Amino acid sequence: MIFQQFFEPVSSTFTYLIAKSRSAEAVIIDPVLEEVDRYLKFLGENNLKLVTAMDTHVHADHKTGLGKLRSITRCMTCYGHKAQTSLVARRLKHGDKITIEGITIDVLETPGHTDDSISYYMEGMVFTGDALFIRGNGRTDFQNGDAGELFDSLNDIIFELPNNTIVWPGHDYKGEHCSTVGVEKVENTRYSGKSRAEFIEIMDNLNLPNPKQMDESVPYNIGISDHLGESLNDEYILSCDEVEALPSYMLIDLRDQDEVNKDGAIANSILIPLRDLEDAIANTEHPINKAQGVIFYCAHGERSTIGLELAIEKGLTNVKHMSGGINVWKSLGKDVM
């Protein structure tokens, strides 16, 4: 396995890049905007294809690199489902799975630092964002943070993992790099031996100054745009009603298989996860290259916009995408299978 921990010193942020091997698909967790070129260099040196980029929460101490990475690599971007941000292709809930080539990552909802905070678990390791640090944890006094919720996230979710699970935190300010669940249960001074009420008392009286980059980072991370779809004319965009009324077309679902299993799919649609679309287009024998009309859809519309831009760039004609994705389709009472 390829595993790389990057460190950004201004905000003391850790970023993680994971892949099964060289020349495989890769996922990145908590990228920092100013460090994107480093990530791209590493990806290139190892011939990796970035297919998923995800944050553990809407950050207040640095600007996320998700937008820039999506613009350059056409990767899928992920946040927790409560995140108040426009930059998200997939909104994750507890129990969801992120799959890339040879790797499966489980989503754990761990609110408290912020209300949208999630952690990512893969066998033997957990990426805790700001929910759990080495001998500490993230603050709970802004972005709908809640000390009681954070105690519950630690006590009932993270510390229920096996003791030998490696903890990879979102930050470290003392030169450490990782810990384990077992060690943190015993040596994390804010949690170990504390009742829920005592933990809340500690967190409510930290009286910390705001992060230095908070006034810039939070608005950026909430309102970030990578100009996705701005070059597309209205002729390329169809509503759910317009799609339903069309007599003949090929409907392509760009979500992942686990999303289809969970949320269903529109009848007669063909599943081509976004990561596989370029290869499908490159295969001249693939049905997508022979259809008279192709319509892309996904969960919300972000991935179908990316897919549409890619298809047009590769020379496909008569391609469109369905605005709002299957979420809007279902909200209108339309059938799924």
Protein backbone atom coordinates (compact mmCIF):
# COMPACT_ATOMS: atom_id res chain seq x y z
CA MET A 1 0.00 0.00 0.00
CA ILE A 2 1.07 3.56 -0.67
CA PHE A 3 0.47 5.78 2.36
CA GLN A 4 1.77 9.34 2.57
CA GLN A 5 1.28 11.79 5.42
CA PHE A 6 1.84 15.43 4.42
CA PHE A 7 2.27 18.26 6.93
CA GLU A 8 1.38 21.91 6.30
CA PRO A 9 3.21 23.98 8.95
CA VAL A 10 1.17 27.21 8.97
CA SER A 11 -1.98 25.50 10.24
CA SER A 12 -0.21 22.33 11.45
CA THR A 13 -2.52 20.28 9.24
CA PHE A 14 -1.98 16.66 8.28
CA THR A 15 -3.12 15.47 4.86
CA TYR A 16 -3.23 11.80 3.92
CA LEU A 17 -2.91 10.21 0.50
CA ILE A 18 -3.66 6.50 0.14
CA ALA A 19 -3.54 4.00 -2.72
CA LYS A 20 -3.31 0.24 -3.07
CA SER A 21 -0.08 0.44 -5.05
CA ARG A 22 1.71 2.43 -7.71
CA SER A 23 -0.33 3.02 -10.86
CA ALA A 24 -3.59 2.63 -8.93
CA GLU A 25 -6.49 4.82 -7.85
CA ALA A 26 -5.88 7.15 -4.91
CA VAL A 27 -7.85 9.00 -2.25
CA ILE A 28 -6.78 12.11 -0.35
CA ILE A 29 -8.05 13.29 3.04
CA ASP A 30 -8.02 16.92 4.25
CA PRO A 31 -5.94 18.55 1.48
CA VAL A 32 -4.71 22.13 1.99
CA LEU A 33 -5.05 24.59 -0.90
CA GLU A 34 -1.46 25.85 -0.76
CA GLU A 35 -0.09 22.30 -0.81
CA VAL A 36 -1.95 21.02 -3.89
CA ASP A 37 1.15 21.13 -6.09
CA ARG A 38 2.94 18.80 -3.64
CA TYR A 39 0.10 16.31 -3.84
CA LEU A 40 0.03 16.45 -7.63
CA LYS A 41 3.79 15.90 -7.76
CA PHE A 42 3.48 12.83 -5.53
CA LEU A 43 0.61 11.50 -7.61
CA GLY A 44 2.63 11.93 -10.78
CA GLU A 45 5.76 10.34 -9.35
CA ASN A 46 3.75 7.24 -8.41
CA ASN A 47 1.53 7.22 -11.51
CA LEU A 48 -1.57 7.47 -9.30
CA LYS A 49 -5.04 8.50 -10.40
CA LEU A 50 -6.77 10.67 -7.80
CA VAL A 51 -10.43 9.65 -7.85
CA THR A 52 -11.68 10.86 -4.45
CA ALA A 53 -10.83 13.89 -2.31
CA MET A 54 -12.57 14.36 1.02
CA ASP A 55 -12.52 16.57 4.08
CA THR A 56 -13.34 15.53 7.63
CA HIS A 57 -15.26 18.79 8.17
CA VAL A 58 -15.48 22.40 7.02
CA HIS A 59 -12.14 23.68 8.24
CA ALA A 60 -11.64 26.99 10.05
CA ASP A 61 -7.83 27.11 10.08
CA HIS A 62 -6.97 26.58 6.40
CA LYS A 63 -8.47 26.70 2.94
CA THR A 64 -9.38 23.31 1.54
CA GLY A 65 -7.68 21.99 -1.57
CA LEU A 66 -10.77 20.09 -2.72
CA GLY A 67 -11.83 22.62 -5.33
CA LYS A 68 -8.45 22.92 -6.99
CA LEU A 69 -7.98 19.16 -7.00
CA ARG A 70 -11.41 18.59 -8.53
CA SER A 71 -10.74 21.19 -11.20
CA ILE A 72 -7.42 19.59 -12.16
CA THR A 73 -8.12 15.87 -11.72
CA ARG A 74 -11.92 15.61 -11.99
CA CYS A 75 -11.96 13.70 -8.70
CA MET A 76 -15.10 13.18 -6.62
CA THR A 77 -15.31 15.50 -3.60
CA CYS A 78 -16.86 14.37 -0.31
CA TYR A 79 -18.04 15.96 2.93
CA GLY A 80 -20.28 14.89 5.77
CA HIS A 81 -23.95 15.38 4.91
CA LYS A 82 -24.35 18.24 7.38
CA ALA A 83 -21.56 20.34 5.85
CA GLN A 84 -22.74 23.78 4.74
CA THR A 85 -20.67 24.04 1.60
CA SER A 86 -21.37 24.17 -2.11
CA LEU A 87 -18.34 22.06 -3.04
CA VAL A 88 -19.52 18.49 -2.59
CA ALA A 89 -20.25 15.69 -5.03
CA ARG A 90 -21.14 13.13 -2.39
CA ARG A 91 -22.60 13.84 1.04
CA LEU A 92 -21.59 11.11 3.47
CA LYS A 93 -23.51 9.56 6.36
CA HIS A 94 -22.52 7.13 9.09
CA GLY A 95 -22.07 3.67 7.60
CA ASP A 96 -21.36 4.84 4.07
CA LYS A 97 -18.36 3.38 2.30
CA ILE A 98 -15.81 5.00 0.01
CA THR A 99 -14.32 2.48 -2.38
CA ILE A 100 -11.37 2.89 -4.68
CA GLU A 101 -9.20 0.26 -6.32
CA GLY A 102 -8.34 -2.28 -3.60
CA ILE A 103 -9.34 -0.04 -0.68
CA THR A 104 -12.58 0.42 1.29
CA ILE A 105 -13.03 3.27 3.77
CA ASP A 106 -15.93 3.38 6.25
CA VAL A 107 -17.55 6.66 7.21
CA LEU A 108 -18.05 7.40 10.91
CA GLU A 109 -20.09 10.40 11.97
CA THR A 110 -18.15 11.99 14.84
CA PRO A 111 -19.70 15.42 15.50
CA GLY A 112 -18.68 17.71 18.31
CA HIS A 113 -15.74 19.73 17.02
CA THR A 114 -18.23 20.88 14.38
CA ASP A 115 -21.67 19.51 13.66
CA ASP A 116 -20.53 18.14 10.28
CA SER A 117 -17.41 16.33 11.51
CA ILE A 118 -16.80 12.80 10.25
CA SER A 119 -13.94 10.33 10.60
CA TYR A 120 -12.73 7.73 8.11
CA TYR A 121 -11.89 4.16 9.10
CA MET A 122 -10.03 1.56 7.12
CA GLU A 123 -8.71 -1.68 8.53
CA GLY A 124 -6.20 -0.91 11.26
CA MET A 125 -6.38 2.89 11.08
CA VAL A 126 -8.75 5.80 11.62
CA PHE A 127 -8.49 9.36 10.31
CA THR A 128 -10.08 11.48 13.00
CA GLY A 129 -9.82 15.03 11.67
CA ASP A 130 -10.27 17.36 14.64
CA ALA A 131 -12.36 14.97 16.72
CA LEU A 132 -9.27 13.38 18.25
CA PHE A 133 -5.69 14.60 18.39
CA ILE A 134 -2.66 13.01 20.01
CA ARG A 135 -3.31 13.57 23.74
CA GLY A 136 -5.99 16.11 22.91
CA ASN A 137 -8.97 16.92 20.73
CA GLY A 138 -10.44 19.74 18.69
CA ARG A 139 -12.23 22.68 20.28
CA THR A 140 -16.03 22.88 20.36
CA ASP A 141 -16.81 26.60 20.58
CA PHE A 142 -17.73 27.48 16.98
CA GLN A 143 -19.35 26.05 13.82
CA ASN A 144 -22.11 24.45 15.90
CA GLY A 145 -19.61 22.55 17.99
CA ASP A 146 -20.89 20.70 21.03
CA ALA A 147 -18.71 19.31 23.81
CA GLY A 148 -21.25 16.68 24.83
CA GLU A 149 -21.52 15.43 21.25
CA LEU A 150 -17.74 15.25 21.00
CA PHE A 151 -17.52 13.17 24.19
CA ASP A 152 -20.11 10.80 22.72
CA SER A 153 -18.20 10.61 19.43
CA LEU A 154 -15.03 9.70 21.27
CA ASN A 155 -16.60 7.38 23.82
CA ASP A 156 -19.14 5.59 21.61
CA ILE A 157 -17.54 5.65 18.16
CA ILE A 158 -13.77 6.15 18.02
CA PHE A 159 -12.87 4.46 21.30
CA GLU A 160 -15.04 1.46 20.40
CA LEU A 161 -12.53 0.63 17.65
CA PRO A 162 -9.84 -2.00 18.41
CA ASN A 163 -7.13 -0.71 20.75
CA ASN A 164 -4.39 -1.27 18.16
CA THR A 165 -6.14 0.96 15.60
CA ILE A 166 -3.70 3.66 14.51
CA VAL A 167 -5.03 7.19 15.01
CA TRP A 168 -4.07 9.61 12.25
CA PRO A 169 -5.19 13.07 13.43
CA GLY A 170 -6.02 16.17 11.43
CA HIS A 171 -3.46 18.29 13.27
CA ASP A 172 -0.53 18.07 15.62
CA TYR A 173 1.25 20.94 17.32
CA LYS A 174 3.98 19.04 19.21
CA GLY A 175 5.88 17.12 16.54
CA GLU A 176 3.92 13.87 16.87
CA HIS A 177 2.58 11.95 13.88
CA CYS A 178 0.17 9.26 15.08
CA SER A 179 -1.12 7.38 18.11
CA THR A 180 -3.42 4.43 18.79
CA VAL A 181 -6.93 4.11 20.14
CA GLY A 182 -5.65 2.17 23.15
CA VAL A 183 -3.07 4.78 24.08
CA GLU A 184 -5.52 7.66 23.71
CA LYS A 185 -8.11 5.97 25.91
CA VAL A 186 -5.58 5.94 28.73
CA GLU A 187 -3.35 8.95 28.10
CA ASN A 188 -5.62 11.56 26.52
CA THR A 189 -5.85 13.93 29.48
CA ARG A 190 -9.10 15.58 28.42
CA TYR A 191 -10.92 12.26 28.13
CA SER A 192 -9.21 9.63 30.27
CA GLY A 193 -10.95 9.18 33.61
CA LYS A 194 -13.39 12.02 32.91
CA SER A 195 -17.14 11.85 33.04
CA ARG A 196 -19.19 13.41 30.26
CA ALA A 197 -19.97 16.37 32.52
CA GLU A 198 -16.31 16.85 33.41
CA PHE A 199 -15.34 16.74 29.74
CA ILE A 200 -17.94 19.38 28.92
CA GLU A 201 -16.67 21.55 31.76
CA ILE A 202 -13.12 21.36 30.41
CA MET A 203 -14.13 22.13 26.84
CA ASP A 204 -16.42 25.01 27.80
CA ASN A 205 -13.61 26.77 29.64
CA LEU A 206 -10.67 26.56 27.22
CA ASN A 207 -11.04 30.23 26.24
CA LEU A 208 -8.93 29.84 23.11
CA PRO A 209 -8.43 32.61 20.53
CA ASN A 210 -9.95 32.04 17.10
CA PRO A 211 -7.73 30.34 14.52
CA LYS A 212 -5.59 32.91 12.71
CA GLN A 213 -7.02 32.09 9.28
CA MET A 214 -10.62 31.61 10.40
CA ASP A 215 -12.06 34.80 8.90
CA GLU A 216 -10.70 33.83 5.48
CA SER A 217 -10.93 30.05 5.63
CA VAL A 218 -14.54 29.49 6.70
CA PRO A 219 -16.16 31.74 4.04
CA TYR A 220 -13.82 30.26 1.41
CA ASN A 221 -14.58 26.68 2.38
CA ILE A 222 -18.33 27.28 2.52
CA GLY A 223 -18.62 29.23 -0.71
CA ILE A 224 -15.74 27.79 -2.73
CA SER A 225 -16.28 27.36 -6.44
CA ASP A 226 -14.05 25.64 -8.96
CA HIS A 227 -16.17 27.10 -11.77
CA LEU A 228 -17.70 23.70 -12.45
CA GLY A 229 -20.12 23.86 -15.36
CA GLU A 230 -19.74 27.58 -16.00
CA SER A 231 -18.71 26.92 -19.60
CA LEU A 232 -21.82 24.87 -20.35
CA ASN A 233 -24.77 26.36 -22.21
CA ASP A 234 -28.32 25.74 -21.05
CA GLU A 235 -28.82 23.36 -23.98
CA TYR A 236 -26.64 20.82 -22.15
CA ILE A 237 -28.75 20.87 -18.96
CA LEU A 238 -32.05 19.05 -18.58
CA SER A 239 -34.51 19.02 -15.70
CA CYS A 240 -35.81 15.76 -14.27
CA ASP A 241 -39.17 16.34 -15.99
CA GLU A 242 -37.45 16.92 -19.33
CA VAL A 243 -35.45 13.72 -18.96
CA GLU A 244 -38.55 11.72 -18.08
CA ALA A 245 -40.36 13.06 -21.14
CA LEU A 246 -37.66 12.15 -23.66
CA PRO A 247 -38.62 9.22 -25.94
CA SER A 248 -35.16 7.74 -26.44
CA TYR A 249 -31.77 8.22 -24.81
CA MET A 250 -28.98 6.40 -22.95
CA LEU A 251 -29.04 7.29 -19.25
CA ILE A 252 -25.66 6.99 -17.52
CA ASP A 253 -25.43 6.87 -13.70
CA LEU A 254 -22.05 8.23 -12.55
CA ARG A 255 -22.40 7.28 -8.87
CA ASP A 256 -20.62 4.45 -7.09
CA GLN A 257 -22.16 0.99 -6.72
CA ASP A 258 -22.75 1.33 -2.97
CA GLU A 259 -24.82 4.48 -3.59
CA VAL A 260 -26.97 2.59 -6.06
CA ASN A 261 -27.41 -0.25 -3.59
CA LYS A 262 -28.52 2.20 -0.92
CA ASP A 263 -30.57 4.78 -2.84
CA GLY A 264 -31.69 2.95 -5.97
CA ALA A 265 -31.31 4.02 -9.59
CA ILE A 266 -33.45 5.34 -12.40
CA ALA A 267 -34.88 2.53 -14.51
CA ASN A 268 -32.81 1.40 -17.50
CA SER A 269 -29.80 3.50 -16.52
CA ILE A 270 -26.28 2.16 -17.01
CA LEU A 271 -23.82 2.45 -14.13
CA ILE A 272 -20.44 3.93 -15.04
CA PRO A 273 -18.80 5.40 -11.91
CA LEU A 274 -17.22 8.75 -12.69
CA ARG A 275 -13.73 7.32 -12.22
CA ASP A 276 -14.39 4.87 -15.08
CA LEU A 277 -15.99 7.28 -17.53
CA GLU A 278 -12.82 8.34 -19.35
CA ASP A 279 -11.89 4.71 -20.02
CA ALA A 280 -15.41 4.01 -21.29
CA ILE A 281 -15.22 6.93 -23.71
CA ALA A 282 -11.78 5.82 -24.88
CA ASN A 283 -13.21 2.38 -25.78
CA THR A 284 -14.67 2.89 -29.25
CA GLU A 285 -16.76 -0.26 -28.85
CA HIS A 286 -18.46 0.94 -25.67
CA PRO A 287 -22.19 1.68 -26.14
CA ILE A 288 -21.66 5.23 -24.91
CA ASN A 289 -19.88 6.00 -28.18
CA LYS A 290 -22.73 4.63 -30.31
CA ALA A 291 -25.78 6.10 -28.61
CA GLN A 292 -27.76 8.82 -30.34
CA GLY A 293 -28.30 10.62 -27.08
CA VAL A 294 -26.54 10.35 -23.71
CA ILE A 295 -27.68 11.87 -20.42
CA PHE A 296 -25.53 11.75 -17.28
CA TYR A 297 -26.87 11.87 -13.76
CA CYS A 298 -25.46 11.38 -10.24
CA ALA A 299 -26.55 12.19 -6.69
CA HIS A 300 -26.77 15.98 -6.81
CA GLY A 301 -25.49 17.05 -10.23
CA GLU A 302 -21.80 17.72 -9.57
CA ARG A 303 -20.42 14.47 -10.95
CA SER A 304 -22.73 14.58 -13.96
CA THR A 305 -21.44 18.06 -14.73
CA ILE A 306 -17.86 16.81 -14.52
CA GLY A 307 -18.78 13.85 -16.73
CA LEU A 308 -20.46 16.12 -19.26
CA GLU A 309 -17.43 18.41 -19.47
CA LEU A 310 -15.18 15.38 -19.93
CA ALA A 311 -17.39 13.87 -22.64
CA ILE A 312 -17.48 17.13 -24.58
CA GLU A 313 -13.71 17.49 -24.26
CA LYS A 314 -13.28 13.96 -25.63
CA GLY A 315 -15.42 14.74 -28.66
CA LEU A 316 -18.79 13.23 -27.78
CA THR A 317 -21.78 15.02 -29.22
CA ASN A 318 -25.43 14.98 -28.18
CA VAL A 319 -24.53 14.62 -24.50
CA LYS A 320 -26.36 16.32 -21.63
CA HIS A 321 -26.76 16.04 -17.88
CA MET A 322 -29.71 15.99 -15.51
CA SER A 323 -29.66 18.88 -13.08
CA GLY A 324 -30.14 18.03 -9.41
CA GLY A 325 -29.42 14.33 -9.82
CA ILE A 326 -31.38 11.44 -8.39
CA ASN A 327 -32.02 13.36 -5.15
CA VAL A 328 -34.24 15.84 -6.99
CA TRP A 329 -35.71 13.01 -9.10
CA LYS A 330 -36.84 11.21 -5.95
CA SER A 331 -38.04 14.42 -4.27
CA LEU A 332 -40.43 14.86 -7.20
CA GLY A 333 -41.94 11.44 -6.51
CA LYS A 334 -40.45 9.78 -9.57
CA ASP A 335 -39.76 6.06 -9.47
CA VAL A 336 -36.43 4.38 -8.85
CA MET A 337 -35.59 0.72 -9.06
